[in-house]
mmCIF file of all heavy atoms, coordinates in Angstrom:
data_MODEL
# 
_entry.id   MODEL 
# 
loop_
_atom_site.group_PDB 
_atom_site.id 
_atom_site.type_symbol 
_atom_site.label_atom_id 
_atom_site.label_alt_id 
_atom_site.label_comp_id 
_atom_site.label_asym_id 
_atom_site.label_entity_id 
_atom_site.label_seq_id 
_atom_site.pdbx_PDB_ins_code 
_atom_site.Cartn_x 
_atom_site.Cartn_y 
_atom_site.Cartn_z 
_atom_site.occupancy 
_atom_site.B_iso_or_equiv 
_atom_site.pdbx_formal_charge 
_atom_site.auth_seq_id 
_atom_site.auth_comp_id 
_atom_site.auth_asym_id 
_atom_site.auth_atom_id 
_atom_site.pdbx_PDB_model_num 
ATOM 1   N N   . SER A 1 1  ? 0.860  -1.171 0.000  1.00 0.00 ? 1  SER A N   1 
ATOM 2   C CA  . SER A 1 1  ? 0.000  0.000  0.000  1.00 0.00 ? 1  SER A CA  1 
ATOM 3   C C   . SER A 1 1  ? 0.903  1.229  0.000  1.00 0.00 ? 1  SER A C   1 
ATOM 4   O O   . SER A 1 1  ? 2.123  1.111  0.061  1.00 0.00 ? 1  SER A O   1 
ATOM 5   C CB  . SER A 1 1  ? -0.917 0.000  1.221  1.00 0.00 ? 1  SER A CB  1 
ATOM 6   O OG  . SER A 1 1  ? -0.155 0.042  2.409  1.00 0.00 ? 1  SER A OG  1 
ATOM 7   N N   . LYS A 1 2  ? 0.292  2.401  -0.079 1.00 0.00 ? 2  LYS A N   1 
ATOM 8   C CA  . LYS A 1 2  ? 1.062  3.650  -0.089 1.00 0.00 ? 2  LYS A CA  1 
ATOM 9   C C   . LYS A 1 2  ? 0.548  4.567  1.003  1.00 0.00 ? 2  LYS A C   1 
ATOM 10  O O   . LYS A 1 2  ? -0.643 4.600  1.291  1.00 0.00 ? 2  LYS A O   1 
ATOM 11  C CB  . LYS A 1 2  ? 0.940  4.335  -1.447 1.00 0.00 ? 2  LYS A CB  1 
ATOM 12  C CG  . LYS A 1 2  ? 1.516  3.524  -2.585 1.00 0.00 ? 2  LYS A CG  1 
ATOM 13  C CD  . LYS A 1 2  ? 1.256  4.220  -3.911 1.00 0.00 ? 2  LYS A CD  1 
ATOM 14  C CE  . LYS A 1 2  ? 1.664  3.322  -5.058 1.00 0.00 ? 2  LYS A CE  1 
ATOM 15  N NZ  . LYS A 1 2  ? 1.237  3.860  -6.341 1.00 0.00 ? 2  LYS A NZ  1 
ATOM 16  N N   . ILE A 1 3  ? 1.478  5.324  1.570  1.00 0.00 ? 3  ILE A N   1 
ATOM 17  C CA  . ILE A 1 3  ? 1.154  6.336  2.567  1.00 0.00 ? 3  ILE A CA  1 
ATOM 18  C C   . ILE A 1 3  ? 1.852  7.632  2.162  1.00 0.00 ? 3  ILE A C   1 
ATOM 19  O O   . ILE A 1 3  ? 2.767  7.612  1.338  1.00 0.00 ? 3  ILE A O   1 
ATOM 20  C CB  . ILE A 1 3  ? 1.592  5.898  3.987  1.00 0.00 ? 3  ILE A CB  1 
ATOM 21  C CG1 . ILE A 1 3  ? 3.111  5.648  4.041  1.00 0.00 ? 3  ILE A CG1 1 
ATOM 22  C CG2 . ILE A 1 3  ? 0.830  4.650  4.433  1.00 0.00 ? 3  ILE A CG2 1 
ATOM 23  C CD1 . ILE A 1 3  ? 3.660  5.390  5.443  1.00 0.00 ? 3  ILE A CD1 1 
ATOM 24  N N   . PRO A 1 4  ? 1.427  8.775  2.729  1.00 0.00 ? 4  PRO A N   1 
ATOM 25  C CA  . PRO A 1 4  ? 2.144  10.014 2.415  1.00 0.00 ? 4  PRO A CA  1 
ATOM 26  C C   . PRO A 1 4  ? 3.631  9.877  2.740  1.00 0.00 ? 4  PRO A C   1 
ATOM 27  O O   . PRO A 1 4  ? 4.008  9.322  3.767  1.00 0.00 ? 4  PRO A O   1 
ATOM 28  C CB  . PRO A 1 4  ? 1.464  11.044 3.325  1.00 0.00 ? 4  PRO A CB  1 
ATOM 29  C CG  . PRO A 1 4  ? 0.083  10.492 3.526  1.00 0.00 ? 4  PRO A CG  1 
ATOM 30  C CD  . PRO A 1 4  ? 0.273  8.996  3.600  1.00 0.00 ? 4  PRO A CD  1 
ATOM 31  N N   . ALA A 1 5  ? 4.461  10.374 1.850  1.00 0.00 ? 5  ALA A N   1 
ATOM 32  C CA  . ALA A 1 5  ? 5.909  10.299 2.043  1.00 0.00 ? 5  ALA A CA  1 
ATOM 33  C C   . ALA A 1 5  ? 6.340  11.295 3.120  1.00 0.00 ? 5  ALA A C   1 
ATOM 34  O O   . ALA A 1 5  ? 5.930  12.457 3.084  1.00 0.00 ? 5  ALA A O   1 
ATOM 35  C CB  . ALA A 1 5  ? 6.634  10.597 0.735  1.00 0.00 ? 5  ALA A CB  1 
ATOM 36  N N   . PRO A 1 6  ? 7.148  10.842 4.066  1.00 0.00 ? 6  PRO A N   1 
ATOM 37  C CA  . PRO A 1 6  ? 7.641  11.758 5.103  1.00 0.00 ? 6  PRO A CA  1 
ATOM 38  C C   . PRO A 1 6  ? 8.358  12.963 4.477  1.00 0.00 ? 6  PRO A C   1 
ATOM 39  O O   . PRO A 1 6  ? 9.199  12.815 3.599  1.00 0.00 ? 6  PRO A O   1 
ATOM 40  C CB  . PRO A 1 6  ? 8.629  10.899 5.897  1.00 0.00 ? 6  PRO A CB  1 
ATOM 41  C CG  . PRO A 1 6  ? 8.209  9.483  5.638  1.00 0.00 ? 6  PRO A CG  1 
ATOM 42  C CD  . PRO A 1 6  ? 7.671  9.491  4.230  1.00 0.00 ? 6  PRO A CD  1 
ATOM 43  N N   . GLY A 1 7  ? 7.967  14.143 4.896  1.00 0.00 ? 7  GLY A N   1 
ATOM 44  C CA  . GLY A 1 7  ? 8.563  15.364 4.367  1.00 0.00 ? 7  GLY A CA  1 
ATOM 45  C C   . GLY A 1 7  ? 7.930  15.850 3.078  1.00 0.00 ? 7  GLY A C   1 
ATOM 46  O O   . GLY A 1 7  ? 8.278  16.902 2.570  1.00 0.00 ? 7  GLY A O   1 
ATOM 47  N N   . ALA A 1 8  ? 7.008  15.064 2.534  1.00 0.00 ? 8  ALA A N   1 
ATOM 48  C CA  . ALA A 1 8  ? 6.330  15.461 1.297  1.00 0.00 ? 8  ALA A CA  1 
ATOM 49  C C   . ALA A 1 8  ? 4.825  15.212 1.413  1.00 0.00 ? 8  ALA A C   1 
ATOM 50  O O   . ALA A 1 8  ? 4.157  14.918 0.437  1.00 0.00 ? 8  ALA A O   1 
ATOM 51  C CB  . ALA A 1 8  ? 6.907  14.695 0.115  1.00 0.00 ? 8  ALA A CB  1 
ATOM 52  N N   . GLU A 1 9  ? 4.309  15.334 2.618  1.00 0.00 ? 9  GLU A N   1 
ATOM 53  C CA  . GLU A 1 9  ? 2.894  15.070 2.858  1.00 0.00 ? 9  GLU A CA  1 
ATOM 54  C C   . GLU A 1 9  ? 1.993  15.960 2.008  1.00 0.00 ? 9  GLU A C   1 
ATOM 55  O O   . GLU A 1 9  ? 0.906  15.547 1.594  1.00 0.00 ? 9  GLU A O   1 
ATOM 56  C CB  . GLU A 1 9  ? 2.553  15.253 4.342  1.00 0.00 ? 9  GLU A CB  1 
ATOM 57  C CG  . GLU A 1 9  ? 3.179  14.223 5.257  1.00 0.00 ? 9  GLU A CG  1 
ATOM 58  C CD  . GLU A 1 9  ? 4.602  14.553 5.705  1.00 0.00 ? 9  GLU A CD  1 
ATOM 59  O OE1 . GLU A 1 9  ? 5.188  15.551 5.228  1.00 0.00 ? 9  GLU A OE1 1 
ATOM 60  O OE2 . GLU A 1 9  ? 5.133  13.792 6.545  1.00 0.00 ? 9  GLU A OE2 1 
ATOM 61  N N   . ASP A 1 10 ? 2.465  17.177 1.720  1.00 0.00 ? 10 ASP A N   1 
ATOM 62  C CA  . ASP A 1 10 ? 1.679  18.105 0.908  1.00 0.00 ? 10 ASP A CA  1 
ATOM 63  C C   . ASP A 1 10 ? 1.565  17.663 -0.548 1.00 0.00 ? 10 ASP A C   1 
ATOM 64  O O   . ASP A 1 10 ? 0.733  18.176 -1.296 1.00 0.00 ? 10 ASP A O   1 
ATOM 65  C CB  . ASP A 1 10 ? 2.282  19.512 0.972  1.00 0.00 ? 10 ASP A CB  1 
ATOM 66  C CG  . ASP A 1 10 ? 3.738  19.560 0.516  1.00 0.00 ? 10 ASP A CG  1 
ATOM 67  O OD1 . ASP A 1 10 ? 4.521  18.674 0.927  1.00 0.00 ? 10 ASP A OD1 1 
ATOM 68  O OD2 . ASP A 1 10 ? 4.085  20.473 -0.241 1.00 0.00 ? 10 ASP A OD2 1 
ATOM 69  N N   . LEU A 1 11 ? 2.368  16.715 -0.967 1.00 0.00 ? 11 LEU A N   1 
ATOM 70  C CA  . LEU A 1 11 ? 2.337  16.227 -2.348 1.00 0.00 ? 11 LEU A CA  1 
ATOM 71  C C   . LEU A 1 11 ? 1.598  14.898 -2.486 1.00 0.00 ? 11 LEU A C   1 
ATOM 72  O O   . LEU A 1 11 ? 1.581  14.305 -3.555 1.00 0.00 ? 11 LEU A O   1 
ATOM 73  C CB  . LEU A 1 11 ? 3.759  16.103 -2.899 1.00 0.00 ? 11 LEU A CB  1 
ATOM 74  C CG  . LEU A 1 11 ? 4.527  17.420 -2.988 1.00 0.00 ? 11 LEU A CG  1 
ATOM 75  C CD1 . LEU A 1 11 ? 5.962  17.161 -3.402 1.00 0.00 ? 11 LEU A CD1 1 
ATOM 76  C CD2 . LEU A 1 11 ? 3.850  18.387 -3.938 1.00 0.00 ? 11 LEU A CD2 1 
ATOM 77  N N   . TRP A 1 12 ? 0.996  14.415 -1.398 1.00 0.00 ? 12 TRP A N   1 
ATOM 78  C CA  . TRP A 1 12 ? 0.209  13.181 -1.429 1.00 0.00 ? 12 TRP A CA  1 
ATOM 79  C C   . TRP A 1 12 ? -0.992 13.383 -2.328 1.00 0.00 ? 12 TRP A C   1 
ATOM 80  O O   . TRP A 1 12 ? -1.592 14.439 -2.291 1.00 0.00 ? 12 TRP A O   1 
ATOM 81  C CB  . TRP A 1 12 ? -0.229 12.812 -0.007 1.00 0.00 ? 12 TRP A CB  1 
ATOM 82  C CG  . TRP A 1 12 ? -1.259 11.738 0.066  1.00 0.00 ? 12 TRP A CG  1 
ATOM 83  C CD1 . TRP A 1 12 ? -2.598 11.914 0.267  1.00 0.00 ? 12 TRP A CD1 1 
ATOM 84  C CD2 . TRP A 1 12 ? -1.053 10.338 -0.066 1.00 0.00 ? 12 TRP A CD2 1 
ATOM 85  N NE1 . TRP A 1 12 ? -3.215 10.709 0.275  1.00 0.00 ? 12 TRP A NE1 1 
ATOM 86  C CE2 . TRP A 1 12 ? -2.303 9.719  0.061  1.00 0.00 ? 12 TRP A CE2 1 
ATOM 87  C CE3 . TRP A 1 12 ? 0.060  9.542  -0.309 1.00 0.00 ? 12 TRP A CE3 1 
ATOM 88  C CZ2 . TRP A 1 12 ? -2.466 8.347  -0.018 1.00 0.00 ? 12 TRP A CZ2 1 
ATOM 89  C CZ3 . TRP A 1 12 ? -0.096 8.188  -0.388 1.00 0.00 ? 12 TRP A CZ3 1 
ATOM 90  C CH2 . TRP A 1 12 ? -1.352 7.594  -0.238 1.00 0.00 ? 12 TRP A CH2 1 
ATOM 91  N N   . PRO A 1 13 ? -1.373 12.503 -3.162 1.00 0.00 ? 13 PRO A N   1 
ATOM 92  C CA  . PRO A 1 13 ? -0.892 11.149 -3.397 1.00 0.00 ? 13 PRO A CA  1 
ATOM 93  C C   . PRO A 1 13 ? 0.140  11.047 -4.523 1.00 0.00 ? 13 PRO A C   1 
ATOM 94  O O   . PRO A 1 13 ? 0.499  9.953  -4.945 1.00 0.00 ? 13 PRO A O   1 
ATOM 95  C CB  . PRO A 1 13 ? -2.163 10.401 -3.790 1.00 0.00 ? 13 PRO A CB  1 
ATOM 96  C CG  . PRO A 1 13 ? -2.925 11.423 -4.581 1.00 0.00 ? 13 PRO A CG  1 
ATOM 97  C CD  . PRO A 1 13 ? -2.626 12.747 -3.891 1.00 0.00 ? 13 PRO A CD  1 
ATOM 98  N N   . HIS A 1 14 ? 0.630  12.194 -4.988 1.00 0.00 ? 14 HIS A N   1 
ATOM 99  C CA  . HIS A 1 14 ? 1.557  12.194 -6.122 1.00 0.00 ? 14 HIS A CA  1 
ATOM 100 C C   . HIS A 1 14 ? 2.945  11.667 -5.755 1.00 0.00 ? 14 HIS A C   1 
ATOM 101 O O   . HIS A 1 14 ? 3.652  11.117 -6.593 1.00 0.00 ? 14 HIS A O   1 
ATOM 102 C CB  . HIS A 1 14 ? 1.653  13.593 -6.721 1.00 0.00 ? 14 HIS A CB  1 
ATOM 103 C CG  . HIS A 1 14 ? 0.311  14.140 -7.061 1.00 0.00 ? 14 HIS A CG  1 
ATOM 104 N ND1 . HIS A 1 14 ? -0.415 13.697 -8.143 1.00 0.00 ? 14 HIS A ND1 1 
ATOM 105 C CD2 . HIS A 1 14 ? -0.471 15.065 -6.453 1.00 0.00 ? 14 HIS A CD2 1 
ATOM 106 C CE1 . HIS A 1 14 ? -1.573 14.333 -8.190 1.00 0.00 ? 14 HIS A CE1 1 
ATOM 107 N NE2 . HIS A 1 14 ? -1.626 15.169 -7.166 1.00 0.00 ? 14 HIS A NE2 1 
ATOM 108 N N   . VAL A 1 15 ? 3.341  11.884 -4.509 1.00 0.00 ? 15 VAL A N   1 
ATOM 109 C CA  . VAL A 1 15 ? 4.601  11.353 -3.981 1.00 0.00 ? 15 VAL A CA  1 
ATOM 110 C C   . VAL A 1 15 ? 4.217  10.552 -2.746 1.00 0.00 ? 15 VAL A C   1 
ATOM 111 O O   . VAL A 1 15 ? 3.573  11.083 -1.838 1.00 0.00 ? 15 VAL A O   1 
ATOM 112 C CB  . VAL A 1 15 ? 5.586  12.484 -3.605 1.00 0.00 ? 15 VAL A CB  1 
ATOM 113 C CG1 . VAL A 1 15 ? 6.865  11.919 -3.015 1.00 0.00 ? 15 VAL A CG1 1 
ATOM 114 C CG2 . VAL A 1 15 ? 5.886  13.358 -4.821 1.00 0.00 ? 15 VAL A CG2 1 
ATOM 115 N N   . ALA A 1 16 ? 4.564  9.279  -2.737 1.00 0.00 ? 16 ALA A N   1 
ATOM 116 C CA  . ALA A 1 16 ? 4.137  8.398  -1.640 1.00 0.00 ? 16 ALA A CA  1 
ATOM 117 C C   . ALA A 1 16 ? 5.279  7.492  -1.193 1.00 0.00 ? 16 ALA A C   1 
ATOM 118 O O   . ALA A 1 16 ? 6.289  7.347  -1.882 1.00 0.00 ? 16 ALA A O   1 
ATOM 119 C CB  . ALA A 1 16 ? 2.959  7.548  -2.112 1.00 0.00 ? 16 ALA A CB  1 
ATOM 120 N N   . GLN A 1 17 ? 5.077  6.894  -0.043 1.00 0.00 ? 17 GLN A N   1 
ATOM 121 C CA  . GLN A 1 17 ? 6.018  5.900  0.465  1.00 0.00 ? 17 GLN A CA  1 
ATOM 122 C C   . GLN A 1 17 ? 5.336  4.542  0.355  1.00 0.00 ? 17 GLN A C   1 
ATOM 123 O O   . GLN A 1 17 ? 4.178  4.381  0.749  1.00 0.00 ? 17 GLN A O   1 
ATOM 124 C CB  . GLN A 1 17 ? 6.385  6.189  1.913  1.00 0.00 ? 17 GLN A CB  1 
ATOM 125 C CG  . GLN A 1 17 ? 7.400  5.214  2.475  1.00 0.00 ? 17 GLN A CG  1 
ATOM 126 C CD  . GLN A 1 17 ? 7.806  5.581  3.889  1.00 0.00 ? 17 GLN A CD  1 
ATOM 127 O OE1 . GLN A 1 17 ? 7.102  6.280  4.600  1.00 0.00 ? 17 GLN A OE1 1 
ATOM 128 N NE2 . GLN A 1 17 ? 8.968  5.120  4.299  1.00 0.00 ? 17 GLN A NE2 1 
ATOM 129 N N   . LEU A 1 18 ? 6.048  3.593  -0.185 1.00 0.00 ? 18 LEU A N   1 
ATOM 130 C CA  . LEU A 1 18 ? 5.522  2.243  -0.360 1.00 0.00 ? 18 LEU A CA  1 
ATOM 131 C C   . LEU A 1 18 ? 5.613  1.485  0.961  1.00 0.00 ? 18 LEU A C   1 
ATOM 132 O O   . LEU A 1 18 ? 6.657  1.498  1.621  1.00 0.00 ? 18 LEU A O   1 
ATOM 133 C CB  . LEU A 1 18 ? 6.322  1.520  -1.440 1.00 0.00 ? 18 LEU A CB  1 
ATOM 134 C CG  . LEU A 1 18 ? 5.746  0.214  -1.954 1.00 0.00 ? 18 LEU A CG  1 
ATOM 135 C CD1 . LEU A 1 18 ? 4.397  0.433  -2.632 1.00 0.00 ? 18 LEU A CD1 1 
ATOM 136 C CD2 . LEU A 1 18 ? 6.714  -0.419 -2.938 1.00 0.00 ? 18 LEU A CD2 1 
ATOM 137 N N   . VAL A 1 19 ? 4.517  0.860  1.337  1.00 0.00 ? 19 VAL A N   1 
ATOM 138 C CA  . VAL A 1 19 ? 4.478  0.021  2.537  1.00 0.00 ? 19 VAL A CA  1 
ATOM 139 C C   . VAL A 1 19 ? 4.277  -1.410 2.059  1.00 0.00 ? 19 VAL A C   1 
ATOM 140 O O   . VAL A 1 19 ? 3.229  -1.759 1.525  1.00 0.00 ? 19 VAL A O   1 
ATOM 141 C CB  . VAL A 1 19 ? 3.330  0.435  3.483  1.00 0.00 ? 19 VAL A CB  1 
ATOM 142 C CG1 . VAL A 1 19 ? 3.266  -0.499 4.686  1.00 0.00 ? 19 VAL A CG1 1 
ATOM 143 C CG2 . VAL A 1 19 ? 3.491  1.874  3.919  1.00 0.00 ? 19 VAL A CG2 1 
ATOM 144 N N   . ASP A 1 20 ? 5.298  -2.201 2.222  1.00 0.00 ? 20 ASP A N   1 
ATOM 145 C CA  . ASP A 1 20 ? 5.286  -3.599 1.771  1.00 0.00 ? 20 ASP A CA  1 
ATOM 146 C C   . ASP A 1 20 ? 6.131  -4.421 2.737  1.00 0.00 ? 20 ASP A C   1 
ATOM 147 O O   . ASP A 1 20 ? 7.268  -4.786 2.422  1.00 0.00 ? 20 ASP A O   1 
ATOM 148 C CB  . ASP A 1 20 ? 5.830  -3.690 0.341  1.00 0.00 ? 20 ASP A CB  1 
ATOM 149 C CG  . ASP A 1 20 ? 5.683  -5.073 -0.260 1.00 0.00 ? 20 ASP A CG  1 
ATOM 150 O OD1 . ASP A 1 20 ? 4.922  -5.892 0.292  1.00 0.00 ? 20 ASP A OD1 1 
ATOM 151 O OD2 . ASP A 1 20 ? 6.335  -5.331 -1.292 1.00 0.00 ? 20 ASP A OD2 1 
ATOM 152 N N   . PRO A 1 21 ? 5.582  -4.665 3.945  1.00 0.00 ? 21 PRO A N   1 
ATOM 153 C CA  . PRO A 1 21 ? 6.368  -5.370 4.962  1.00 0.00 ? 21 PRO A CA  1 
ATOM 154 C C   . PRO A 1 21 ? 7.000  -6.652 4.417  1.00 0.00 ? 21 PRO A C   1 
ATOM 155 O O   . PRO A 1 21 ? 6.335  -7.485 3.816  1.00 0.00 ? 21 PRO A O   1 
ATOM 156 C CB  . PRO A 1 21 ? 5.337  -5.693 6.052  1.00 0.00 ? 21 PRO A CB  1 
ATOM 157 C CG  . PRO A 1 21 ? 4.284  -4.643 5.876  1.00 0.00 ? 21 PRO A CG  1 
ATOM 158 C CD  . PRO A 1 21 ? 4.225  -4.402 4.387  1.00 0.00 ? 21 PRO A CD  1 
ATOM 159 N N   . GLY A 1 22 ? 8.303  -6.746 4.594  1.00 0.00 ? 22 GLY A N   1 
ATOM 160 C CA  . GLY A 1 22 ? 9.038  -7.905 4.113  1.00 0.00 ? 22 GLY A CA  1 
ATOM 161 C C   . GLY A 1 22 ? 9.452  -7.815 2.657  1.00 0.00 ? 22 GLY A C   1 
ATOM 162 O O   . GLY A 1 22 ? 10.289 -8.582 2.188  1.00 0.00 ? 22 GLY A O   1 
ATOM 163 N N   . GLY A 1 23 ? 8.891  -6.865 1.916  1.00 0.00 ? 23 GLY A N   1 
ATOM 164 C CA  . GLY A 1 23 ? 9.227  -6.693 0.502  1.00 0.00 ? 23 GLY A CA  1 
ATOM 165 C C   . GLY A 1 23 ? 10.491 -5.869 0.346  1.00 0.00 ? 23 GLY A C   1 
ATOM 166 O O   . GLY A 1 23 ? 10.814 -5.038 1.196  1.00 0.00 ? 23 GLY A O   1 
ATOM 167 N N   . GLU A 1 24 ? 11.185 -6.074 -0.748 1.00 0.00 ? 24 GLU A N   1 
ATOM 168 C CA  . GLU A 1 24 ? 12.450 -5.352 -0.932 1.00 0.00 ? 24 GLU A CA  1 
ATOM 169 C C   . GLU A 1 24 ? 12.247 -3.863 -1.200 1.00 0.00 ? 24 GLU A C   1 
ATOM 170 O O   . GLU A 1 24 ? 13.169 -3.081 -1.051 1.00 0.00 ? 24 GLU A O   1 
ATOM 171 C CB  . GLU A 1 24 ? 13.304 -5.992 -2.017 1.00 0.00 ? 24 GLU A CB  1 
ATOM 172 C CG  . GLU A 1 24 ? 12.771 -5.858 -3.425 1.00 0.00 ? 24 GLU A CG  1 
ATOM 173 C CD  . GLU A 1 24 ? 13.696 -6.504 -4.448 1.00 0.00 ? 24 GLU A CD  1 
ATOM 174 O OE1 . GLU A 1 24 ? 13.911 -7.712 -4.360 1.00 0.00 ? 24 GLU A OE1 1 
ATOM 175 O OE2 . GLU A 1 24 ? 14.189 -5.760 -5.312 1.00 0.00 ? 24 GLU A OE2 1 
ATOM 176 N N   . LEU A 1 25 ? 11.055 -3.450 -1.590 1.00 0.00 ? 25 LEU A N   1 
ATOM 177 C CA  . LEU A 1 25 ? 10.795 -2.035 -1.853 1.00 0.00 ? 25 LEU A CA  1 
ATOM 178 C C   . LEU A 1 25 ? 10.107 -1.322 -0.693 1.00 0.00 ? 25 LEU A C   1 
ATOM 179 O O   . LEU A 1 25 ? 9.755  -0.146 -0.807 1.00 0.00 ? 25 LEU A O   1 
ATOM 180 C CB  . LEU A 1 25 ? 9.955  -1.882 -3.126 1.00 0.00 ? 25 LEU A CB  1 
ATOM 181 C CG  . LEU A 1 25 ? 10.621 -2.364 -4.414 1.00 0.00 ? 25 LEU A CG  1 
ATOM 182 C CD1 . LEU A 1 25 ? 9.672  -2.210 -5.592 1.00 0.00 ? 25 LEU A CD1 1 
ATOM 183 C CD2 . LEU A 1 25 ? 11.918 -1.620 -4.665 1.00 0.00 ? 25 LEU A CD2 1 
ATOM 184 N N   . ASP A 1 26 ? 9.913  -2.017 0.418  1.00 0.00 ? 26 ASP A N   1 
ATOM 185 C CA  . ASP A 1 26 ? 9.272  -1.410 1.581  1.00 0.00 ? 26 ASP A CA  1 
ATOM 186 C C   . ASP A 1 26 ? 10.018 -0.137 1.983  1.00 0.00 ? 26 ASP A C   1 
ATOM 187 O O   . ASP A 1 26 ? 11.237 -0.128 2.134  1.00 0.00 ? 26 ASP A O   1 
ATOM 188 C CB  . ASP A 1 26 ? 9.262  -2.393 2.758  1.00 0.00 ? 26 ASP A CB  1 
ATOM 189 C CG  . ASP A 1 26 ? 8.501  -1.849 3.946  1.00 0.00 ? 26 ASP A CG  1 
ATOM 190 O OD1 . ASP A 1 26 ? 7.388  -1.331 3.746  1.00 0.00 ? 26 ASP A OD1 1 
ATOM 191 O OD2 . ASP A 1 26 ? 9.029  -1.932 5.078  1.00 0.00 ? 26 ASP A OD2 1 
ATOM 192 N N   . GLY A 1 27 ? 9.267  0.958  2.121  1.00 0.00 ? 27 GLY A N   1 
ATOM 193 C CA  . GLY A 1 27 ? 9.854  2.230  2.540  1.00 0.00 ? 27 GLY A CA  1 
ATOM 194 C C   . GLY A 1 27 ? 10.334 3.116  1.406  1.00 0.00 ? 27 GLY A C   1 
ATOM 195 O O   . GLY A 1 27 ? 10.703 4.268  1.627  1.00 0.00 ? 27 GLY A O   1 
ATOM 196 N N   . GLU A 1 28 ? 10.337 2.595  0.182  1.00 0.00 ? 28 GLU A N   1 
ATOM 197 C CA  . GLU A 1 28 ? 10.802 3.390  -0.963 1.00 0.00 ? 28 GLU A CA  1 
ATOM 198 C C   . GLU A 1 28 ? 9.798  4.500  -1.290 1.00 0.00 ? 28 GLU A C   1 
ATOM 199 O O   . GLU A 1 28 ? 8.595  4.336  -1.116 1.00 0.00 ? 28 GLU A O   1 
ATOM 200 C CB  . GLU A 1 28 ? 10.980 2.513  -2.201 1.00 0.00 ? 28 GLU A CB  1 
ATOM 201 C CG  . GLU A 1 28 ? 12.135 1.546  -2.108 1.00 0.00 ? 28 GLU A CG  1 
ATOM 202 C CD  . GLU A 1 28 ? 13.486 2.235  -2.080 1.00 0.00 ? 28 GLU A CD  1 
ATOM 203 O OE1 . GLU A 1 28 ? 13.689 3.224  -2.808 1.00 0.00 ? 28 GLU A OE1 1 
ATOM 204 O OE2 . GLU A 1 28 ? 14.357 1.767  -1.318 1.00 0.00 ? 28 GLU A OE2 1 
# 
C-alpha cells in the first residue's frame, strides 16, 4: 500500500512511500 511520504505530505498522493512489509521495496 502507499502512505504520504515523510517530508512530502503536501504532495500526497503524487509522492508516496511504499508500505510492503518484508518486501524489498518497503519504505521506498
